[in-house]
């Protein structure tokens, strides 16, 4: 086994290095998770063939890994002593192979390896006498860390630290297949983009995402793999779209109700389509898609403005078409009553052009391993699309859903489909005496989990009490409270953890929008509703 190198100048120029280890693995279930992974790679003795899609016998989850742009993963073993010194509790795990790399080297790292670097791999003698027969690799992408690193090292929120410190490793695409083995030399053959090291790419990919000039430049680098290049293209497209929308200064758009469906005796769903659809830039159709957890603000015929969770399936939700699920509340101040009594197919509604993504998605940062959603009644609308999204990318999650009766179960088919993947669904039917035990859920919360709550006031108060009792960290819980967001009339709230500052919310604003404007992405606690908002 290769010994980690601790005294390597990471900024020294790279021209050649030695492959200390070659590693591969089959997919295995991760300890403590119902998730398969190829991260636990073992040493391969002797030569192994590398095809266009990677090392022979190596497997990975195709959701985030593998493919032409991610055929081979390289990592600098000199990072391991640094990690071990920073996290003594996991020091024994910070050894070569810990990051699931295929090629272990000591000198090459994110500071001296650049996107587009082309490299020859082989024994020194073959590289000299017959280089055209050697394996030819090209650096394609920075490695994007995922939650599996947290479990690998048993460190909460570890994955984002890897890109913050630029110790992620990188991927190669295979330009010419060939053999590789420990002891081979890897030589730099050409460097088309010397200004774009992996570290500098990560600066604009993660740490400074709003530099329009850099986003534009990076979107044009052909050697940059699709995962990152498409991200930069999307930012360029979104920037152009924002400018175009600002020029039009259109705050409200007209939508037609194209479908009304009675989900339960008291919950109705509505599908809305834009009269004047927004056309995405060519090649960037994803720019008009809404993220799971989005909210829409709707003008009602009685002069009120209400915010509603968008409950469209995660793969069928855009600024031009989306679905709402609305329950008829017994003490409705006009919102749900208006929809149930006056809104039918063909009805025109005014919808704000600015959709709010209110439900935080920890998976985007790679920091959370498991997600728990606790909902009551129509509270499911805040979470359903997020659960479907997590299931589609094989992320571990579970739903605890309390309903009045089996007749009061909306979106039944979609809930049943969730149980077919990595999402476990538990329905609590009140008529059968089934009780949602929030204390039991919170008390037994798995390690490195984010828990969400949304439902009636009684559920939210119980959840807040149990979270406090079991000392769940603020960053690992989110309360999605409609009540503070849908008043439609001007009101005030007091921000308890910001020196009791009073915040004014106008009649055409949501509380979330005002909090984002006042406090950015900080977590705040407001009263008298006593609802925490962790907004990003």
Protein backbone atom coordinates (compact mmCIF):
# COMPACT_ATOMS: atom_id res chain seq x y z
CA UNK A 1 0.00 0.00 0.00
CA UNK A 2 1.24 3.50 -0.84
CA UNK A 3 2.37 5.63 2.04
CA UNK A 4 0.71 9.07 2.22
CA UNK A 5 3.08 11.89 1.34
CA UNK A 6 3.13 14.80 3.78
CA UNK A 7 5.98 17.00 2.50
CA UNK A 8 4.97 17.71 -1.08
CA UNK A 9 4.85 21.22 -2.49
CA UNK A 10 1.31 21.25 -3.88
CA UNK A 11 2.02 24.36 -5.93
CA UNK A 12 5.13 23.01 -7.64
CA UNK A 13 4.63 22.61 -11.41
CA UNK A 14 3.64 19.17 -12.60
CA UNK A 15 5.26 17.47 -15.58
CA UNK A 16 5.42 13.85 -14.47
CA UNK A 17 4.38 11.73 -11.49
CA UNK A 18 4.29 8.08 -10.46
CA UNK A 19 1.08 6.09 -10.02
CA UNK A 20 1.41 4.67 -6.51
CA UNK A 21 -1.75 2.55 -6.55
CA UNK A 22 -4.45 1.46 -8.99
CA UNK A 23 -7.86 0.75 -7.42
CA UNK A 24 -11.28 -0.55 -8.50
CA UNK A 25 -14.39 -2.06 -6.94
CA UNK A 26 -17.81 -3.53 -7.50
CA UNK A 27 -20.90 -1.74 -6.18
CA UNK A 28 -21.57 -2.46 -2.48
CA UNK A 29 -24.16 -1.34 0.05
CA UNK A 30 -22.78 1.41 2.29
CA UNK A 31 -22.67 0.73 6.00
CA UNK A 32 -25.72 2.24 7.72
CA UNK A 33 -27.45 3.26 4.48
CA UNK A 34 -29.76 1.55 1.99
CA UNK A 35 -27.60 2.98 -0.80
CA UNK A 36 -25.20 1.30 -3.21
CA UNK A 37 -21.76 2.77 -3.88
CA UNK A 38 -18.49 1.98 -5.61
CA UNK A 39 -16.42 4.18 -3.27
CA UNK A 40 -14.81 1.28 -1.38
CA UNK A 41 -12.09 0.48 -3.93
CA UNK A 42 -9.34 -2.09 -3.41
CA UNK A 43 -5.82 -2.29 -4.82
CA UNK A 44 -5.32 -4.04 -8.16
CA UNK A 45 -2.05 -5.93 -8.53
CA UNK A 46 -0.64 -6.01 -12.03
CA UNK A 47 -1.86 -4.33 -15.21
CA UNK A 48 -5.56 -3.57 -15.77
CA UNK A 49 -7.22 -2.50 -19.00
CA UNK A 50 -8.76 0.98 -19.15
CA UNK A 51 -11.52 1.43 -21.72
CA UNK A 52 -13.37 4.60 -22.70
CA UNK A 53 -15.66 4.13 -19.71
CA UNK A 54 -13.05 3.26 -17.08
CA UNK A 55 -11.08 0.46 -15.48
CA UNK A 56 -12.09 -3.10 -16.22
CA UNK A 57 -14.09 -4.45 -13.28
CA UNK A 58 -14.76 -1.03 -11.74
CA UNK A 59 -18.37 -0.01 -10.97
CA UNK A 60 -20.05 3.19 -9.82
CA UNK A 61 -23.52 4.66 -9.33
CA UNK A 62 -24.32 6.14 -12.77
CA UNK A 63 -26.52 8.82 -11.18
CA UNK A 64 -23.50 10.93 -10.27
CA UNK A 65 -20.45 8.94 -11.34
CA UNK A 66 -19.15 7.09 -14.36
CA UNK A 67 -19.57 7.83 -18.06
CA UNK A 68 -17.14 9.18 -20.65
CA UNK A 69 -16.30 12.37 -18.71
CA UNK A 70 -15.83 10.49 -15.43
CA UNK A 71 -14.09 7.36 -16.61
CA UNK A 72 -11.18 7.53 -14.15
CA UNK A 73 -10.85 9.34 -10.81
CA UNK A 74 -7.49 10.64 -9.62
CA UNK A 75 -6.56 11.86 -6.13
CA UNK A 76 -3.47 13.27 -4.45
CA UNK A 77 -2.37 11.08 -1.55
CA UNK A 78 -0.54 14.07 -0.05
CA UNK A 79 -3.91 15.41 1.09
CA UNK A 80 -4.51 12.55 3.48
CA UNK A 81 -2.07 13.59 6.25
CA UNK A 82 -3.63 17.07 6.19
CA UNK A 83 -7.14 15.65 6.51
CA UNK A 84 -6.00 13.36 9.32
CA UNK A 85 -4.47 16.25 11.27
CA UNK A 86 -7.65 18.31 10.86
CA UNK A 87 -9.98 15.44 11.84
CA UNK A 88 -8.18 13.17 14.32
CA UNK A 89 -11.36 11.17 14.99
CA UNK A 90 -11.29 9.90 11.40
CA UNK A 91 -7.50 9.76 10.97
CA UNK A 92 -7.46 6.00 10.38
CA UNK A 93 -9.76 6.40 7.37
CA UNK A 94 -7.68 9.10 5.69
CA UNK A 95 -5.44 6.76 3.73
CA UNK A 96 -4.97 6.24 -0.02
CA UNK A 97 -8.20 5.03 -1.57
CA UNK A 98 -10.29 6.88 1.00
CA UNK A 99 -11.92 9.11 -1.61
CA UNK A 100 -12.70 6.21 -3.93
CA UNK A 101 -10.00 7.15 -6.41
CA UNK A 102 -8.79 4.86 -9.20
CA UNK A 103 -5.30 6.36 -9.51
CA UNK A 104 -3.30 7.35 -6.43
CA UNK A 105 -0.52 9.88 -6.97
CA UNK A 106 1.52 12.08 -4.61
CA UNK A 107 2.46 15.24 -6.52
CA UNK A 108 -0.36 15.91 -8.97
CA UNK A 109 -3.13 17.86 -7.26
CA UNK A 110 -5.85 20.46 -7.84
CA UNK A 111 -3.29 23.32 -7.93
CA UNK A 112 -1.01 21.99 -10.67
CA UNK A 113 -3.47 19.96 -12.76
CA UNK A 114 -5.52 21.87 -15.34
CA UNK A 115 -8.66 21.17 -17.32
CA UNK A 116 -7.75 19.72 -20.71
CA UNK A 117 -4.35 18.39 -19.59
CA UNK A 118 -3.47 15.40 -21.79
CA UNK A 119 -1.32 12.72 -20.18
CA UNK A 120 0.51 9.58 -21.27
CA UNK A 121 0.55 6.64 -18.88
CA UNK A 122 2.96 3.71 -18.98
CA UNK A 123 6.28 2.36 -17.85
CA UNK A 124 9.24 4.73 -18.41
CA UNK A 125 10.71 2.42 -21.05
CA UNK A 126 7.49 2.08 -23.07
CA UNK A 127 6.81 5.80 -22.80
CA UNK A 128 10.18 6.35 -24.44
CA UNK A 129 10.19 3.59 -27.03
CA UNK A 130 6.52 3.21 -28.00
CA UNK A 131 4.39 6.09 -26.65
CA UNK A 132 1.65 5.54 -29.25
CA UNK A 133 0.73 2.28 -27.52
CA UNK A 134 0.25 3.91 -24.11
CA UNK A 135 -2.91 4.86 -22.27
CA UNK A 136 -3.87 8.46 -23.07
CA UNK A 137 -5.94 10.44 -20.54
CA UNK A 138 -7.37 13.95 -20.49
CA UNK A 139 -8.44 15.88 -17.38
CA UNK A 140 -12.16 16.56 -17.78
CA UNK A 141 -13.77 17.60 -14.48
CA UNK A 142 -13.24 18.48 -10.83
CA UNK A 143 -14.76 15.78 -8.66
CA UNK A 144 -18.14 16.89 -7.26
CA UNK A 145 -18.35 15.53 -3.70
CA UNK A 146 -21.52 13.81 -2.54
CA UNK A 147 -22.96 12.76 0.82
CA UNK A 148 -21.25 9.36 0.61
CA UNK A 149 -18.00 10.98 1.71
CA UNK A 150 -19.69 11.94 5.00
CA UNK A 151 -20.45 8.30 5.70
CA UNK A 152 -17.11 7.14 4.42
CA UNK A 153 -15.32 9.19 7.09
CA UNK A 154 -18.22 9.43 9.60
CA UNK A 155 -17.99 13.23 9.57
CA UNK A 156 -21.10 15.38 9.30
CA UNK A 157 -21.10 17.95 6.49
CA UNK A 158 -17.64 16.88 5.41
CA UNK A 159 -18.33 16.70 1.66
CA UNK A 160 -18.59 20.49 1.05
CA UNK A 161 -15.26 21.02 2.81
CA UNK A 162 -13.51 19.11 0.04
CA UNK A 163 -14.30 21.76 -2.57
CA UNK A 164 -13.89 24.62 -0.12
CA UNK A 165 -10.29 23.46 0.40
CA UNK A 166 -9.85 22.20 -3.19
CA UNK A 167 -9.04 18.64 -2.17
CA UNK A 168 -11.69 16.84 -4.23
CA UNK A 169 -9.62 15.06 -6.84
CA UNK A 170 -10.47 15.17 -10.53
CA UNK A 171 -11.73 13.01 -13.37
CA UNK A 172 -10.15 11.88 -16.61
CA UNK A 173 -11.73 10.93 -19.90
CA UNK A 174 -9.93 8.22 -21.86
CA UNK A 175 -8.68 9.44 -25.24
CA UNK A 176 -6.91 6.18 -26.03
CA UNK A 177 -7.57 2.94 -24.14
CA UNK A 178 -4.67 0.99 -22.73
CA UNK A 179 -3.15 -0.66 -19.69
CA UNK A 180 -2.20 0.83 -16.32
CA UNK A 181 -0.55 -0.52 -13.20
CA UNK A 182 1.13 0.71 -10.03
CA UNK A 183 4.60 2.05 -10.75
CA UNK A 184 3.63 3.48 -14.14
CA UNK A 185 4.66 7.01 -14.91
CA UNK A 186 2.12 9.64 -15.86
CA UNK A 187 3.52 12.41 -18.06
CA UNK A 188 2.03 15.73 -19.08
CA UNK A 189 1.79 15.76 -22.88
CA UNK A 190 -0.11 19.01 -23.55
CA UNK A 191 -1.81 21.80 -21.59
CA UNK A 192 -4.31 23.87 -23.63
CA UNK A 193 -5.67 25.81 -20.63
CA UNK A 194 -2.81 26.59 -18.22
CA UNK A 195 -4.86 29.34 -16.56
CA UNK A 196 -7.63 26.91 -15.52
CA UNK A 197 -6.35 24.66 -12.76
CA UNK A 198 -8.84 22.44 -10.94
CA UNK A 199 -8.57 24.77 -7.95
CA UNK A 200 -9.44 27.84 -10.03
CA UNK A 201 -12.33 26.03 -11.71
CA UNK A 202 -13.71 25.29 -8.24
CA UNK A 203 -13.44 28.95 -7.30
CA UNK A 204 -16.12 29.82 -9.87
CA UNK A 205 -17.99 26.51 -9.76
CA UNK A 206 -18.63 26.75 -6.02
CA UNK A 207 -17.20 29.72 -4.16
CA UNK A 208 -17.84 32.63 -6.54
CA UNK A 209 -20.80 31.71 -8.71
CA UNK A 210 -21.89 35.22 -9.71
CA UNK A 211 -18.92 36.33 -11.82
CA UNK A 212 -20.62 36.66 -15.20
CA UNK A 213 -17.39 37.05 -17.18
CA UNK A 214 -15.87 33.88 -15.71
CA UNK A 215 -19.10 31.92 -16.15
CA UNK A 216 -19.13 32.93 -19.82
CA UNK A 217 -15.48 31.98 -20.33
CA UNK A 218 -15.80 28.61 -18.63
CA UNK A 219 -18.96 27.76 -20.58
CA UNK A 220 -16.86 27.86 -23.77
CA UNK A 221 -14.06 25.47 -22.73
CA UNK A 222 -14.69 22.40 -24.87
CA UNK A 223 -12.44 20.12 -22.79
CA UNK A 224 -14.47 20.82 -19.64
CA UNK A 225 -16.87 17.93 -19.01
CA UNK A 226 -20.59 18.39 -19.53
CA UNK A 227 -21.46 18.32 -15.82
CA UNK A 228 -19.53 21.52 -15.07
CA UNK A 229 -19.71 23.12 -18.50
CA UNK A 230 -23.49 22.82 -18.57
CA UNK A 231 -23.63 24.42 -15.10
CA UNK A 232 -21.74 27.45 -16.41
CA UNK A 233 -23.89 27.56 -19.55
CA UNK A 234 -27.01 27.52 -17.38
CA UNK A 235 -25.71 30.46 -15.33
CA UNK A 236 -25.03 32.44 -18.49
CA UNK A 237 -28.51 31.66 -19.76
CA UNK A 238 -30.13 32.55 -16.42
CA UNK A 239 -28.25 35.83 -16.29
CA UNK A 240 -29.44 36.71 -19.78
CA UNK A 241 -32.98 35.69 -18.89
CA UNK A 242 -32.93 37.81 -15.71
CA UNK A 243 -31.79 40.82 -17.67
CA UNK A 244 -34.48 40.25 -20.26
CA UNK A 245 -37.16 39.92 -17.60
CA UNK A 246 -35.89 43.05 -15.88
CA UNK A 247 -36.11 44.95 -19.15
CA UNK A 248 -39.71 43.87 -19.55
CA UNK A 249 -40.36 44.70 -15.88
CA UNK A 250 -43.17 42.17 -15.90
CA UNK A 251 -44.06 41.34 -12.31
CA UNK A 252 -47.18 39.29 -12.95
CA UNK A 253 -47.94 36.72 -15.65
CA UNK A 254 -51.30 35.35 -16.77
CA UNK A 255 -52.00 31.62 -16.39
CA UNK A 256 -54.96 29.48 -17.37
CA UNK A 257 -56.26 26.62 -15.24
CA UNK A 258 -56.08 23.62 -17.59
CA UNK A 259 -56.93 20.92 -15.08
CA UNK A 260 -58.88 20.77 -11.82
CA UNK A 261 -58.94 17.50 -9.92
CA UNK A 262 -60.65 16.55 -6.69
CA UNK A 263 -57.86 14.75 -4.84
CA UNK A 264 -59.90 14.23 -1.64
CA UNK A 265 -63.19 15.64 -0.32
CA UNK A 266 -61.29 18.69 0.97
CA UNK A 267 -58.16 18.90 -1.27
CA UNK A 268 -58.26 19.98 -4.91
CA UNK A 269 -55.32 20.16 -7.30
CA UNK A 270 -55.01 22.72 -10.10
CA UNK A 271 -52.67 22.66 -13.11
CA UNK A 272 -51.82 26.13 -14.42
CA UNK A 273 -50.31 26.92 -17.84
CA UNK A 274 -48.86 30.26 -18.93
CA UNK A 275 -50.76 32.18 -21.59
CA UNK A 276 -47.46 33.62 -22.86
CA UNK A 277 -44.82 30.92 -22.20
CA UNK A 278 -41.23 31.89 -21.53
CA UNK A 279 -38.99 30.35 -24.21
CA UNK A 280 -35.65 29.10 -22.85
CA UNK A 281 -32.39 29.85 -24.68
CA UNK A 282 -31.44 27.18 -27.24
CA UNK A 283 -29.76 24.24 -25.57
CA UNK A 284 -30.74 25.37 -22.07
CA UNK A 285 -34.24 24.02 -21.66
CA UNK A 286 -33.52 23.36 -17.99
CA UNK A 287 -33.28 27.08 -17.25
CA UNK A 288 -37.09 27.36 -17.01
CA UNK A 289 -37.49 24.38 -14.68
CA UNK A 290 -38.46 25.02 -11.06
CA UNK A 291 -36.61 23.34 -8.23
CA UNK A 292 -38.46 21.00 -5.86
CA UNK A 293 -39.89 23.01 -2.99
CA UNK A 294 -40.82 26.07 -5.06
CA UNK A 295 -43.73 28.36 -4.16
CA UNK A 296 -46.01 30.42 -6.40
CA UNK A 297 -47.75 33.65 -5.45
CA UNK A 298 -51.22 34.00 -6.94
CA UNK A 299 -53.54 37.01 -7.15
CA UNK A 300 -57.09 36.02 -6.28
CA UNK A 301 -60.26 37.58 -7.62
CA UNK A 302 -61.10 39.03 -4.22
CA UNK A 303 -57.95 41.19 -4.17
CA UNK A 304 -55.86 38.91 -1.96
CA UNK A 305 -52.44 37.47 -2.75
CA UNK A 306 -51.60 33.98 -1.56
CA UNK A 307 -48.43 31.83 -1.68
CA UNK A 308 -48.85 28.10 -2.40
CA UNK A 309 -46.43 25.19 -2.54
CA UNK A 310 -45.95 23.82 -6.04
CA UNK A 311 -46.66 20.11 -6.01
CA UNK A 312 -45.87 19.22 -9.62
CA UNK A 313 -43.87 16.03 -10.20
CA UNK A 314 -40.17 16.90 -9.86
CA UNK A 315 -39.51 16.30 -13.57
CA UNK A 316 -42.56 18.20 -14.89
CA UNK A 317 -42.45 21.62 -13.30
CA UNK A 318 -41.50 24.86 -15.02
CA UNK A 319 -42.19 28.57 -14.97
CA UNK A 320 -44.72 27.85 -17.73
CA UNK A 321 -46.66 24.96 -16.18
CA UNK A 322 -47.08 23.78 -12.61
CA UNK A 323 -49.55 22.16 -10.20
CA UNK A 324 -50.94 23.37 -6.89
CA UNK A 325 -52.71 21.34 -4.20
CA UNK A 326 -55.09 23.39 -2.02
CA UNK A 327 -57.11 22.26 0.98
CA UNK A 328 -60.34 23.97 1.98
CA UNK A 329 -59.60 25.36 5.41
CA UNK A 330 -62.56 25.74 7.80
CA UNK A 331 -61.42 29.23 8.83
CA UNK A 332 -60.27 30.35 5.40
CA UNK A 333 -59.78 34.10 5.05
CA UNK A 334 -60.50 33.90 1.34
CA UNK A 335 -57.64 31.95 -0.24
CA UNK A 336 -58.66 28.31 -0.20
CA UNK A 337 -62.36 29.20 -0.28
CA UNK A 338 -61.84 31.25 -3.45
CA UNK A 339 -60.03 28.38 -5.21
CA UNK A 340 -62.57 25.78 -4.20
CA UNK A 341 -65.62 27.88 -5.04
CA UNK A 342 -64.56 30.01 -8.02
CA UNK A 343 -61.57 28.52 -9.84
CA UNK A 344 -62.36 25.98 -12.55
CA UNK A 345 -60.83 24.83 -15.84
CA UNK A 346 -60.45 27.80 -18.18
CA UNK A 347 -60.18 30.32 -15.33
CA UNK A 348 -57.40 32.93 -15.72
CA UNK A 349 -55.13 33.78 -12.78
CA UNK A 350 -52.32 36.25 -12.23
CA UNK A 351 -49.12 34.60 -10.95
CA UNK A 352 -45.97 36.36 -9.80
CA UNK A 353 -43.06 36.04 -12.22
CA UNK A 354 -40.79 35.42 -9.23
CA UNK A 355 -41.06 31.89 -7.91
CA UNK A 356 -39.62 31.32 -4.45
CA UNK A 357 -37.56 28.24 -3.65
CA UNK A 358 -38.31 28.07 0.05
CA UNK A 359 -37.56 24.47 1.02
CA UNK A 360 -33.78 24.02 1.38
CA UNK A 361 -32.21 21.11 -0.47
CA UNK A 362 -29.22 19.83 1.50
CA UNK A 363 -28.30 17.39 -1.28
CA UNK A 364 -27.16 20.22 -3.51
CA UNK A 365 -24.25 20.81 -1.17
CA UNK A 366 -23.47 17.14 -0.70
CA UNK A 367 -23.70 17.56 3.07
CA UNK A 368 -26.60 15.33 4.16
CA UNK A 369 -26.87 11.53 3.97
CA UNK A 370 -30.54 11.01 4.84
CA UNK A 371 -33.74 13.08 4.74
CA UNK A 372 -36.84 12.76 6.89
CA UNK A 373 -40.08 14.55 5.96
CA UNK A 374 -42.92 14.81 8.45
CA UNK A 375 -46.19 16.16 7.07
CA UNK A 376 -49.81 16.48 8.04
CA UNK A 377 -52.77 16.99 5.70
CA UNK A 378 -52.08 19.39 2.86
CA UNK A 379 -48.54 19.85 4.23
CA UNK A 380 -47.53 17.08 1.83
CA UNK A 381 -47.62 19.63 -1.00
CA UNK A 382 -44.46 21.28 0.31
CA UNK A 383 -42.46 18.05 0.17
CA UNK A 384 -43.80 15.67 -2.48
CA UNK A 385 -41.70 16.92 -5.40
CA UNK A 386 -38.55 16.95 -3.23
CA UNK A 387 -39.13 13.33 -2.23
CA UNK A 388 -39.59 12.32 -5.86
CA UNK A 389 -36.41 14.17 -6.79
CA UNK A 390 -34.40 12.41 -4.09
CA UNK A 391 -35.77 9.04 -5.15
CA UNK A 392 -34.77 9.72 -8.77
CA UNK A 393 -31.14 10.30 -7.75
CA UNK A 394 -31.02 7.38 -5.28
CA UNK A 395 -30.80 9.48 -2.12
CA UNK A 396 -32.00 7.91 1.11
CA UNK A 397 -35.18 9.53 2.49
CA UNK A 398 -38.39 8.77 4.35
CA UNK A 399 -41.84 10.30 4.73
CA UNK A 400 -44.11 10.22 7.78
CA UNK A 401 -47.53 11.47 6.70
CA UNK A 402 -50.55 11.93 8.97
CA UNK A 403 -54.04 12.10 7.40
CA UNK A 404 -57.55 12.29 8.82
CA UNK A 405 -58.59 9.14 6.97
CA UNK A 406 -57.72 7.05 3.94
CA UNK A 407 -60.22 9.19 1.99
CA UNK A 408 -58.15 12.27 2.81
CA UNK A 409 -55.00 10.99 1.06
CA UNK A 410 -54.13 13.23 -1.92
CA UNK A 411 -51.75 12.30 -4.76
CA UNK A 412 -52.21 8.66 -3.81
CA UNK A 413 -50.50 7.14 -6.85
CA UNK A 414 -47.42 9.32 -6.47
CA UNK A 415 -47.13 8.42 -2.80
CA UNK A 416 -47.36 4.72 -3.65
CA UNK A 417 -44.59 5.10 -6.26
CA UNK A 418 -42.25 6.60 -3.67
CA UNK A 419 -42.14 3.28 -1.81
CA UNK A 420 -40.66 1.59 -4.88
CA UNK A 421 -37.27 3.29 -4.57
CA UNK A 422 -34.97 4.65 -1.86
CA UNK A 423 -37.85 6.46 -0.12
CA UNK A 424 -39.76 4.78 2.71
CA UNK A 425 -43.33 6.05 3.20
CA UNK A 426 -45.39 5.62 6.38
CA UNK A 427 -49.04 6.79 6.35
CA UNK A 428 -50.83 7.42 9.66
CA UNK A 429 -54.63 7.08 9.35
CA UNK A 430 -56.40 8.80 12.26
CA UNK A 431 -59.61 6.77 11.79
CA UNK A 432 -57.61 3.59 12.42
CA UNK A 433 -56.12 4.95 15.62
CA UNK A 434 -52.71 5.41 14.03
CA UNK A 435 -50.78 8.23 15.65
CA UNK A 436 -47.84 10.17 14.30
CA UNK A 437 -45.22 9.91 17.04
CA UNK A 438 -43.00 12.92 16.42
CA UNK A 439 -40.98 12.32 19.57
CA UNK A 440 -40.13 8.81 18.41
CA UNK A 441 -39.01 10.09 15.04
CA UNK A 442 -36.87 12.89 16.47
CA UNK A 443 -35.42 10.76 19.26
CA UNK A 444 -34.22 8.09 16.82
CA UNK A 445 -33.08 10.42 14.03
CA UNK A 446 -30.19 8.79 12.11
CA UNK A 447 -26.77 10.32 11.95
CA UNK A 448 -26.20 13.18 9.47
CA UNK A 449 -29.91 13.65 8.70
CA UNK A 450 -31.96 16.71 7.77
CA UNK A 451 -35.55 16.65 9.03
CA UNK A 452 -38.44 18.72 7.66
CA UNK A 453 -41.84 19.47 9.19
CA UNK A 454 -44.97 20.87 7.55
CA UNK A 455 -48.55 20.60 8.72
CA UNK A 456 -51.21 22.02 11.03
CA UNK A 457 -50.28 24.17 14.00
CA UNK A 458 -50.54 21.28 16.49
CA UNK A 459 -48.01 19.25 14.50
CA UNK A 460 -45.60 22.17 14.21
CA UNK A 461 -45.74 23.00 17.92
CA UNK A 462 -45.12 19.37 18.86
CA UNK A 463 -42.22 19.20 16.41
CA UNK A 464 -40.66 22.38 17.78
CA UNK A 465 -40.93 21.00 21.32
CA UNK A 466 -39.32 17.66 20.43
CA UNK A 467 -36.54 19.25 18.39
CA UNK A 468 -35.69 21.42 21.37
CA UNK A 469 -35.95 18.50 23.81
CA UNK A 470 -33.53 16.31 21.85
CA UNK A 471 -31.24 19.21 20.94
CA UNK A 472 -31.38 18.78 17.17
CA UNK A 473 -28.96 21.38 15.70
CA UNK A 474 -30.68 24.27 13.91
CA UNK A 475 -28.91 23.44 10.66
CA UNK A 476 -30.45 19.96 10.64
CA UNK A 477 -34.13 20.90 10.89
CA UNK A 478 -36.49 22.97 8.74
CA UNK A 479 -40.02 24.11 9.62
CA UNK A 480 -42.15 24.88 6.59
CA UNK A 481 -44.98 27.00 8.00
CA UNK A 482 -47.65 28.13 5.52
CA UNK A 483 -49.51 30.25 8.00
CA UNK A 484 -46.92 33.01 8.15
CA UNK A 485 -46.54 33.04 4.40
CA UNK A 486 -50.12 33.30 3.16
CA UNK A 487 -51.80 36.11 5.02
CA UNK A 488 -52.23 38.41 2.02
CA UNK A 489 -52.72 41.39 4.34
CA UNK A 490 -49.89 43.61 5.67
CA UNK A 491 -48.49 42.35 8.96
CA UNK A 492 -45.46 42.51 11.24
CA UNK A 493 -43.20 39.87 12.73
CA UNK A 494 -40.48 40.07 15.34
CA UNK A 495 -37.16 38.39 14.53
CA UNK A 496 -36.22 36.97 17.91
CA UNK A 497 -32.62 36.02 17.19
CA UNK A 498 -31.82 39.38 15.53
CA UNK A 499 -32.28 41.66 18.55
CA UNK A 500 -36.08 41.41 18.25
CA UNK A 501 -36.05 43.46 15.07
CA UNK A 502 -39.55 44.17 13.74
CA UNK A 503 -40.03 43.36 10.04
CA UNK A 504 -42.88 44.79 7.95
CA UNK A 505 -44.50 42.46 5.37
CA UNK A 506 -46.60 44.16 2.71
CA UNK A 507 -49.83 42.86 1.27
CA UNK A 508 -48.15 41.71 -1.97
CA UNK A 509 -45.05 40.27 -0.30
CA UNK A 510 -44.42 36.96 1.39
CA UNK A 511 -42.68 36.69 4.71
CA UNK A 512 -39.98 34.57 3.08
CA UNK A 513 -39.22 37.24 0.47
CA UNK A 514 -38.88 39.91 3.14
CA UNK A 515 -36.62 37.71 5.27
CA UNK A 516 -34.41 36.91 2.29
CA UNK A 517 -34.14 40.63 1.48
CA UNK A 518 -33.33 41.56 5.09
CA UNK A 519 -31.10 38.68 6.18
CA UNK A 520 -29.89 36.85 3.06
CA UNK A 521 -29.24 33.17 3.76
CA UNK A 522 -29.04 33.47 7.54
CA UNK A 523 -31.36 31.37 9.69
CA UNK A 524 -33.84 33.48 11.63
CA UNK A 525 -36.57 32.85 14.21
CA UNK A 526 -39.75 34.90 14.00
CA UNK A 527 -42.64 35.41 16.38
CA UNK A 528 -45.54 35.32 17.23
CA UNK A 529 -45.74 32.27 14.95
CA UNK A 530 -42.48 30.92 16.37
CA UNK A 531 -41.54 29.46 13.01
CA UNK A 532 -37.92 29.01 12.01
CA UNK A 533 -37.00 29.90 8.46
CA UNK A 534 -33.76 28.53 7.06
CA UNK A 535 -33.76 30.10 3.62
CA UNK A 536 -31.20 29.98 0.84
